[in-house]
Amino acid sequence: MDDAWCAGHLVERLVTADPTLRLDDGARVAGELAGRLGSPTPAALGATGAGAAIRQLELEADLEICARVDDVKTVPVWRDGAFVKGGEEEG
């Protein structure tokens, strides 16, 4: 559930950036799920299967970090066999 929720938030951002995108059924369902659930909270993530595994490892405080949305300013891009800072021009 947490993966689909995250994917839905990504779908929402992609569609905002390009409203002409054609989504397959999985992307549409993930977007709908994220729209209905809204932003994740530590408690809601803790109720998922992955959240239960995190709690079992006694890492419950990490759920606060997992619940952050739009928290990073740089997204890595895989280019020529390595991750590079997103937005960097090829040299």
N, C-alpha and C. Protein backbone atom coordinates (compact mmCIF):
# COMPACT_ATOMS: atom_id res chain seq x y z
N MET A 1 0.82 -1.19 0.00
CA MET A 1 0.00 0.00 0.00
C MET A 1 0.86 1.26 0.00
N ASP A 2 1.94 1.24 0.79
CA ASP A 2 2.78 2.43 0.85
C ASP A 2 3.44 2.71 -0.50
N ASP A 3 3.82 1.67 -1.23
CA ASP A 3 4.42 1.87 -2.55
C ASP A 3 3.42 2.49 -3.53
N ALA A 4 2.19 1.99 -3.52
CA ALA A 4 1.16 2.54 -4.40
C ALA A 4 0.83 3.98 -4.04
N TRP A 5 0.82 4.27 -2.74
CA TRP A 5 0.54 5.62 -2.25
C TRP A 5 1.61 6.58 -2.76
N CYS A 6 2.88 6.18 -2.60
CA CYS A 6 3.98 7.01 -3.08
C CYS A 6 3.91 7.17 -4.60
N ALA A 7 3.66 6.07 -5.30
CA ALA A 7 3.55 6.14 -6.76
C ALA A 7 2.45 7.10 -7.17
N GLY A 8 1.35 7.10 -6.44
CA GLY A 8 0.25 8.01 -6.75
C GLY A 8 0.66 9.47 -6.63
N HIS A 9 1.46 9.78 -5.61
CA HIS A 9 1.94 11.17 -5.47
C HIS A 9 2.86 11.53 -6.64
N LEU A 10 3.67 10.57 -7.09
CA LEU A 10 4.52 10.82 -8.25
C LEU A 10 3.68 11.04 -9.50
N VAL A 11 2.65 10.22 -9.66
CA VAL A 11 1.74 10.37 -10.81
C VAL A 11 1.10 11.76 -10.80
N GLU A 12 0.64 12.20 -9.64
CA GLU A 12 0.03 13.53 -9.53
C GLU A 12 0.98 14.61 -10.02
N ARG A 13 2.25 14.51 -9.64
CA ARG A 13 3.22 15.53 -10.04
C ARG A 13 3.53 15.45 -11.53
N LEU A 14 3.63 14.24 -12.05
CA LEU A 14 3.89 14.09 -13.49
C LEU A 14 2.75 14.65 -14.32
N VAL A 15 1.52 14.38 -13.91
CA VAL A 15 0.36 14.88 -14.65
C VAL A 15 0.26 16.40 -14.54
N THR A 16 0.65 16.94 -13.39
CA THR A 16 0.68 18.40 -13.24
C THR A 16 1.70 19.01 -14.20
N ALA A 17 2.84 18.35 -14.33
CA ALA A 17 3.89 18.86 -15.23
C ALA A 17 3.51 18.68 -16.70
N ASP A 18 2.77 17.62 -17.00
CA ASP A 18 2.37 17.35 -18.39
C ASP A 18 0.97 16.75 -18.41
N PRO A 19 -0.06 17.61 -18.47
CA PRO A 19 -1.44 17.12 -18.44
C PRO A 19 -1.82 16.22 -19.62
N THR A 20 -0.99 16.17 -20.67
CA THR A 20 -1.30 15.33 -21.82
C THR A 20 -0.84 13.88 -21.65
N LEU A 21 -0.18 13.58 -20.54
CA LEU A 21 0.29 12.21 -20.32
C LEU A 21 -0.88 11.24 -20.35
N ARG A 22 -0.65 10.09 -20.97
CA ARG A 22 -1.65 9.03 -20.99
C ARG A 22 -1.23 8.01 -19.94
N LEU A 23 -2.07 7.80 -18.96
CA LEU A 23 -1.74 6.91 -17.85
C LEU A 23 -2.33 5.53 -18.08
N ASP A 24 -1.57 4.51 -17.68
CA ASP A 24 -2.13 3.16 -17.72
C ASP A 24 -2.98 2.95 -16.47
N ASP A 25 -3.63 1.80 -16.39
CA ASP A 25 -4.54 1.55 -15.28
C ASP A 25 -3.84 1.63 -13.92
N GLY A 26 -2.64 1.07 -13.81
CA GLY A 26 -1.92 1.10 -12.54
C GLY A 26 -1.62 2.51 -12.08
N ALA A 27 -1.19 3.36 -13.00
CA ALA A 27 -0.90 4.75 -12.66
C ALA A 27 -2.17 5.49 -12.26
N ARG A 28 -3.26 5.21 -12.97
CA ARG A 28 -4.52 5.87 -12.63
C ARG A 28 -5.00 5.45 -11.24
N VAL A 29 -4.89 4.17 -10.93
CA VAL A 29 -5.31 3.69 -9.61
C VAL A 29 -4.43 4.28 -8.52
N ALA A 30 -3.11 4.32 -8.75
CA ALA A 30 -2.21 4.89 -7.76
C ALA A 30 -2.51 6.37 -7.54
N GLY A 31 -2.76 7.11 -8.62
CA GLY A 31 -3.12 8.52 -8.49
C GLY A 31 -4.41 8.72 -7.72
N GLU A 32 -5.38 7.86 -7.99
CA GLU A 32 -6.65 7.94 -7.28
C GLU A 32 -6.47 7.64 -5.79
N LEU A 33 -5.65 6.63 -5.48
CA LEU A 33 -5.38 6.28 -4.09
C LEU A 33 -4.74 7.45 -3.35
N ALA A 34 -3.71 8.03 -3.95
CA ALA A 34 -3.03 9.15 -3.31
C ALA A 34 -3.96 10.35 -3.15
N GLY A 35 -4.81 10.58 -4.14
CA GLY A 35 -5.77 11.67 -4.04
C GLY A 35 -6.75 11.48 -2.89
N ARG A 36 -7.19 10.25 -2.71
CA ARG A 36 -8.15 9.96 -1.64
C ARG A 36 -7.51 9.96 -0.26
N LEU A 37 -6.27 9.44 -0.18
CA LEU A 37 -5.61 9.34 1.12
C LEU A 37 -4.91 10.63 1.53
N GLY A 38 -4.56 11.46 0.55
CA GLY A 38 -3.84 12.69 0.86
C GLY A 38 -2.40 12.41 1.25
N SER A 39 -1.80 13.36 1.92
CA SER A 39 -0.41 13.20 2.34
C SER A 39 -0.30 12.14 3.43
N PRO A 40 0.76 11.34 3.38
CA PRO A 40 0.91 10.30 4.40
C PRO A 40 1.25 10.89 5.76
N THR A 41 0.86 10.18 6.78
CA THR A 41 1.24 10.53 8.15
C THR A 41 2.01 9.34 8.72
N PRO A 42 2.81 9.58 9.75
CA PRO A 42 3.52 8.45 10.36
C PRO A 42 2.55 7.36 10.83
N ALA A 43 1.42 7.76 11.41
CA ALA A 43 0.46 6.76 11.90
C ALA A 43 -0.12 5.94 10.76
N ALA A 44 -0.48 6.60 9.65
CA ALA A 44 -1.06 5.89 8.51
C ALA A 44 -0.03 4.95 7.89
N LEU A 45 1.20 5.41 7.74
CA LEU A 45 2.24 4.54 7.20
C LEU A 45 2.52 3.38 8.14
N GLY A 46 2.45 3.64 9.43
CA GLY A 46 2.66 2.58 10.42
C GLY A 46 1.63 1.48 10.35
N ALA A 47 0.48 1.77 9.76
CA ALA A 47 -0.59 0.78 9.64
C ALA A 47 -0.44 -0.10 8.40
N THR A 48 0.56 0.17 7.56
CA THR A 48 0.79 -0.64 6.37
C THR A 48 1.70 -1.82 6.70
N GLY A 49 1.81 -2.74 5.78
CA GLY A 49 2.71 -3.88 5.97
C GLY A 49 4.15 -3.44 6.17
N ALA A 50 4.60 -2.49 5.36
CA ALA A 50 5.96 -1.99 5.51
C ALA A 50 6.14 -1.29 6.85
N GLY A 51 5.10 -0.56 7.27
CA GLY A 51 5.16 0.12 8.57
C GLY A 51 5.28 -0.87 9.71
N ALA A 52 4.57 -1.98 9.59
CA ALA A 52 4.67 -3.02 10.62
C ALA A 52 6.08 -3.58 10.68
N ALA A 53 6.70 -3.76 9.51
CA ALA A 53 8.09 -4.26 9.48
C ALA A 53 9.04 -3.26 10.11
N ILE A 54 8.82 -1.97 9.86
CA ILE A 54 9.65 -0.92 10.46
C ILE A 54 9.49 -0.93 11.98
N ARG A 55 8.25 -1.07 12.43
CA ARG A 55 8.02 -1.12 13.88
C ARG A 55 8.66 -2.36 14.49
N GLN A 56 8.62 -3.48 13.80
CA GLN A 56 9.21 -4.71 14.30
C GLN A 56 10.72 -4.57 14.45
N LEU A 57 11.33 -3.77 13.60
CA LEU A 57 12.77 -3.51 13.69
C LEU A 57 13.10 -2.42 14.71
N GLU A 58 12.05 -1.95 15.39
CA GLU A 58 12.18 -0.89 16.39
C GLU A 58 12.73 0.41 15.79
N LEU A 59 12.26 0.71 14.58
CA LEU A 59 12.66 1.92 13.87
C LEU A 59 11.46 2.83 13.65
N GLU A 60 10.51 2.79 14.56
CA GLU A 60 9.26 3.54 14.39
C GLU A 60 9.50 5.03 14.16
N ALA A 61 10.56 5.60 14.75
CA ALA A 61 10.86 7.02 14.55
C ALA A 61 11.11 7.33 13.07
N ASP A 62 11.53 6.32 12.30
CA ASP A 62 11.78 6.53 10.87
C ASP A 62 10.50 6.80 10.09
N LEU A 63 9.36 6.43 10.65
CA LEU A 63 8.09 6.68 9.95
C LEU A 63 7.86 8.18 9.75
N GLU A 64 8.37 9.00 10.64
CA GLU A 64 8.28 10.46 10.48
C GLU A 64 9.01 10.89 9.21
N ILE A 65 10.17 10.32 8.99
CA ILE A 65 10.95 10.64 7.79
C ILE A 65 10.24 10.11 6.55
N CYS A 66 9.72 8.89 6.66
CA CYS A 66 9.03 8.27 5.52
C CYS A 66 7.79 9.06 5.09
N ALA A 67 7.18 9.75 6.02
CA ALA A 67 5.94 10.48 5.74
C ALA A 67 6.18 11.83 5.07
N ARG A 68 7.41 12.23 4.95
CA ARG A 68 7.70 13.53 4.33
C ARG A 68 7.41 13.49 2.83
N VAL A 69 6.79 14.54 2.34
CA VAL A 69 6.47 14.66 0.92
C VAL A 69 7.14 15.92 0.40
N ASP A 70 7.71 15.83 -0.80
CA ASP A 70 8.39 16.98 -1.43
C ASP A 70 9.47 17.55 -0.52
N ASP A 71 10.24 16.66 0.09
CA ASP A 71 11.24 17.07 1.07
C ASP A 71 12.64 17.26 0.48
N VAL A 72 12.88 16.75 -0.71
CA VAL A 72 14.20 16.88 -1.32
C VAL A 72 14.16 17.87 -2.47
N LYS A 73 15.23 18.57 -2.62
CA LYS A 73 15.30 19.60 -3.66
C LYS A 73 16.01 19.09 -4.92
N THR A 74 16.79 18.00 -4.78
CA THR A 74 17.54 17.45 -5.90
C THR A 74 17.16 15.99 -6.07
N VAL A 75 16.87 15.62 -7.29
CA VAL A 75 16.51 14.24 -7.60
C VAL A 75 17.62 13.64 -8.46
N PRO A 76 18.17 12.49 -8.05
CA PRO A 76 19.22 11.88 -8.86
C PRO A 76 18.67 11.29 -10.16
N VAL A 77 19.52 11.30 -11.17
CA VAL A 77 19.17 10.75 -12.48
C VAL A 77 20.24 9.73 -12.83
N TRP A 78 19.82 8.57 -13.33
CA TRP A 78 20.78 7.55 -13.76
C TRP A 78 21.24 7.89 -15.16
N ARG A 79 22.54 8.15 -15.33
CA ARG A 79 23.07 8.51 -16.64
C ARG A 79 24.42 7.84 -16.83
N ASP A 80 24.56 7.13 -17.91
CA ASP A 80 25.83 6.48 -18.26
C ASP A 80 26.38 5.63 -17.12
N GLY A 81 25.51 4.85 -16.47
CA GLY A 81 25.96 3.91 -15.45
C GLY A 81 26.21 4.49 -14.08
N ALA A 82 25.77 5.73 -13.85
CA ALA A 82 25.97 6.33 -12.53
C ALA A 82 24.86 7.34 -12.26
N PHE A 83 24.62 7.58 -10.98
CA PHE A 83 23.66 8.63 -10.62
C PHE A 83 24.34 9.98 -10.71
N VAL A 84 23.65 10.95 -11.28
CA VAL A 84 24.12 12.33 -11.32
C VAL A 84 23.01 13.21 -10.78
N LYS A 85 23.37 14.40 -10.40
CA LYS A 85 22.39 15.37 -9.89
C LYS A 85 21.43 15.73 -11.01
N GLY A 86 20.13 15.57 -10.74
CA GLY A 86 19.11 15.89 -11.72
C GLY A 86 19.20 17.34 -12.17
N GLY A 87 19.03 17.57 -13.45
CA GLY A 87 19.06 18.92 -13.98
C GLY A 87 20.41 19.36 -14.46
N GLU A 88 21.47 18.59 -14.15
CA GLU A 88 22.80 18.96 -14.63
C GLU A 88 22.88 18.68 -16.12
N GLU A 89 23.47 19.58 -16.83
CA GLU A 89 23.67 19.40 -18.26
C GLU A 89 24.80 18.43 -18.49
N GLU A 90 24.68 17.66 -19.56
CA GLU A 90 25.78 16.76 -19.89
C GLU A 90 26.99 17.59 -20.29
N GLY A 91 28.18 17.14 -19.79
CA GLY A 91 29.37 17.92 -19.90
C GLY A 91 30.14 17.81 -21.10
